[in-house]
């Protein structure tokens, strides 16, 4: 019985490690992306690398930091679908360490975040996206006053 539990525990740990690795973006799985817009050529089922990201949350916003080596501000496209999906596409320039690499990642955000007010910046191959909480859902401190005696 103990051997079976130990084996089950090892398999569970292995599975959880794989899930953690995927969530951190440390895998280099590619995904098919289909999109077309005026600024970028059509990407008919082009294979894109999945960049690693760090996600931070505080009381006021969600911050997504993605490593997109070689991508410049003018080759990055961040989109909000108006519902719950935030996505970005980036292309590394020919002078990059990984020339011609297409990066793509999408996130389904909880409804507490206002994707239409998101801000994005890019510096030296690092994309930072800040998505604020909806103002009605911001944590609010309530002052406690002395009661009437």
Protein backbone atom coordinates (compact mmCIF):
# COMPACT_ATOMS: atom_id res chain seq x y z
CA UNK A 1 0.00 0.00 0.00
CA UNK A 2 2.83 2.43 0.88
CA UNK A 3 4.61 1.70 -2.41
CA UNK A 4 1.46 2.49 -4.38
CA UNK A 5 1.01 5.79 -2.54
CA UNK A 6 4.66 6.69 -3.08
CA UNK A 7 4.39 5.94 -6.82
CA UNK A 8 1.19 7.98 -7.03
CA UNK A 9 2.87 10.84 -5.19
CA UNK A 10 5.84 10.75 -7.59
CA UNK A 11 3.55 10.79 -10.63
CA UNK A 12 1.55 13.67 -9.17
CA UNK A 13 4.73 15.64 -8.45
CA UNK A 14 5.97 15.01 -11.99
CA UNK A 15 2.63 16.17 -13.45
CA UNK A 16 2.59 19.29 -11.24
CA UNK A 17 6.15 20.14 -12.32
CA UNK A 18 5.05 19.97 -15.97
CA UNK A 19 2.05 22.22 -15.24
CA UNK A 20 4.25 24.74 -13.41
CA UNK A 21 6.70 24.73 -16.32
CA UNK A 22 3.90 25.44 -18.80
CA UNK A 23 2.49 28.22 -16.63
CA UNK A 24 5.93 29.84 -16.38
CA UNK A 25 6.25 29.61 -20.15
CA UNK A 26 9.52 27.68 -19.98
CA UNK A 27 8.38 25.29 -22.67
CA UNK A 28 9.04 26.23 -26.28
CA UNK A 29 5.86 24.83 -27.73
CA UNK A 30 4.69 26.60 -30.84
CA UNK A 31 1.11 27.44 -31.60
CA UNK A 32 -0.68 28.12 -34.87
CA UNK A 33 -1.89 31.70 -35.21
CA UNK A 34 -4.20 33.06 -37.86
CA UNK A 35 -4.58 36.83 -38.02
CA UNK A 36 -4.54 39.62 -40.54
CA UNK A 37 -4.31 43.37 -40.13
CA UNK A 38 -3.05 46.41 -41.98
CA UNK A 39 0.32 46.56 -40.21
CA UNK A 40 1.41 42.91 -40.46
CA UNK A 41 1.32 40.46 -43.32
CA UNK A 42 -1.22 37.63 -43.09
CA UNK A 43 -0.20 34.88 -40.68
CA UNK A 44 -2.07 31.97 -42.16
CA UNK A 45 -1.41 29.23 -39.64
CA UNK A 46 2.14 30.46 -39.03
CA UNK A 47 3.97 28.68 -36.23
CA UNK A 48 4.78 30.96 -33.31
CA UNK A 49 6.97 30.37 -30.28
CA UNK A 50 5.40 30.75 -26.84
CA UNK A 51 7.49 33.24 -24.86
CA UNK A 52 8.10 32.90 -21.13
CA UNK A 53 6.14 35.37 -19.01
CA UNK A 54 6.00 36.56 -15.42
CA UNK A 55 2.63 37.67 -14.10
CA UNK A 56 2.30 39.95 -11.09
CA UNK A 57 -0.87 41.06 -9.40
CA UNK A 58 -1.33 43.80 -6.85
CA UNK A 59 -4.38 45.62 -5.51
CA UNK A 60 -4.64 47.91 -8.52
CA UNK A 61 -3.52 45.98 -11.58
CA UNK A 62 -2.22 42.87 -13.28
CA UNK A 63 1.24 43.13 -14.85
CA UNK A 64 2.42 40.72 -17.54
CA UNK A 65 6.14 40.75 -18.41
CA UNK A 66 7.11 38.74 -21.49
CA UNK A 67 10.55 37.98 -22.94
CA UNK A 68 10.38 38.59 -26.69
CA UNK A 69 14.06 38.83 -27.69
CA UNK A 70 14.66 40.81 -30.84
CA UNK A 71 11.17 42.30 -31.03
CA UNK A 72 10.94 46.06 -31.33
CA UNK A 73 8.03 48.28 -30.41
CA UNK A 74 6.90 48.55 -34.04
CA UNK A 75 6.81 44.73 -34.46
CA UNK A 76 4.62 44.08 -31.40
CA UNK A 77 0.84 43.95 -31.53
CA UNK A 78 -1.19 43.76 -28.29
CA UNK A 79 -4.94 43.15 -28.61
CA UNK A 80 -7.97 43.03 -26.33
CA UNK A 81 -11.01 41.28 -27.74
CA UNK A 82 -13.50 43.33 -25.72
CA UNK A 83 -14.47 40.33 -23.64
CA UNK A 84 -11.81 38.57 -21.58
CA UNK A 85 -8.94 37.74 -23.93
CA UNK A 86 -5.70 39.70 -24.05
CA UNK A 87 -3.15 38.59 -26.65
CA UNK A 88 0.14 39.73 -28.09
CA UNK A 89 2.09 38.95 -31.20
CA UNK A 90 5.71 40.00 -31.73
CA UNK A 91 8.28 39.41 -34.44
CA UNK A 92 12.03 39.41 -33.88
CA UNK A 93 14.03 41.48 -36.34
CA UNK A 94 16.77 40.01 -38.49
CA UNK A 95 19.47 41.42 -36.20
CA UNK A 96 18.02 39.62 -33.17
CA UNK A 97 19.48 36.56 -31.43
CA UNK A 98 16.54 34.57 -32.85
CA UNK A 99 15.93 36.35 -36.19
CA UNK A 100 12.50 35.94 -37.76
CA UNK A 101 11.00 34.33 -34.65
CA UNK A 102 7.30 34.98 -34.19
CA UNK A 103 6.15 35.17 -30.58
CA UNK A 104 2.50 34.74 -29.58
CA UNK A 105 0.72 34.40 -26.26
CA UNK A 106 -2.87 34.92 -25.13
CA UNK A 107 -4.50 35.14 -21.73
CA UNK A 108 -8.08 34.86 -20.57
CA UNK A 109 -8.44 37.46 -17.84
CA UNK A 110 -11.04 37.53 -15.06
CA UNK A 111 -13.79 40.12 -15.46
CA UNK A 112 -12.33 42.24 -12.64
CA UNK A 113 -9.71 43.58 -15.11
CA UNK A 114 -10.37 46.35 -17.62
CA UNK A 115 -8.51 45.28 -20.76
CA UNK A 116 -9.69 48.34 -22.66
CA UNK A 117 -7.54 50.48 -20.31
CA UNK A 118 -4.42 48.28 -20.67
CA UNK A 119 -1.03 49.91 -21.31
CA UNK A 120 1.97 48.27 -22.97
CA UNK A 121 5.64 49.18 -23.27
CA UNK A 122 8.65 47.42 -24.75
CA UNK A 123 12.32 47.83 -23.89
CA UNK A 124 15.24 45.68 -25.03
CA UNK A 125 13.14 42.62 -25.90
CA UNK A 126 10.95 42.78 -22.80
CA UNK A 127 7.24 43.51 -23.25
CA UNK A 128 5.36 44.82 -20.21
CA UNK A 129 1.56 44.94 -20.24
CA UNK A 130 -0.32 46.56 -17.35
CA UNK A 131 -4.03 45.84 -17.04
CA UNK A 132 -5.83 47.85 -14.33
CA UNK A 133 -8.69 46.56 -12.27
CA UNK A 134 -12.09 47.97 -13.08
CA UNK A 135 -12.49 51.12 -11.01
CA UNK A 136 -15.71 49.89 -9.40
CA UNK A 137 -13.84 46.81 -8.17
CA UNK A 138 -10.76 48.54 -6.74
CA UNK A 139 -10.17 47.71 -3.08
CA UNK A 140 -11.29 50.60 -0.93
CA UNK A 141 -10.19 51.44 2.58
CA UNK A 142 -13.06 52.41 4.85
CA UNK A 143 -12.22 54.80 7.66
CA UNK A 144 -13.46 53.91 11.12
CA UNK A 145 -14.71 56.88 13.12
CA UNK A 146 -15.41 57.15 16.83
CA UNK A 147 -19.03 56.36 17.60
CA UNK A 148 -21.38 58.74 19.38
CA UNK A 149 -21.44 58.12 23.11
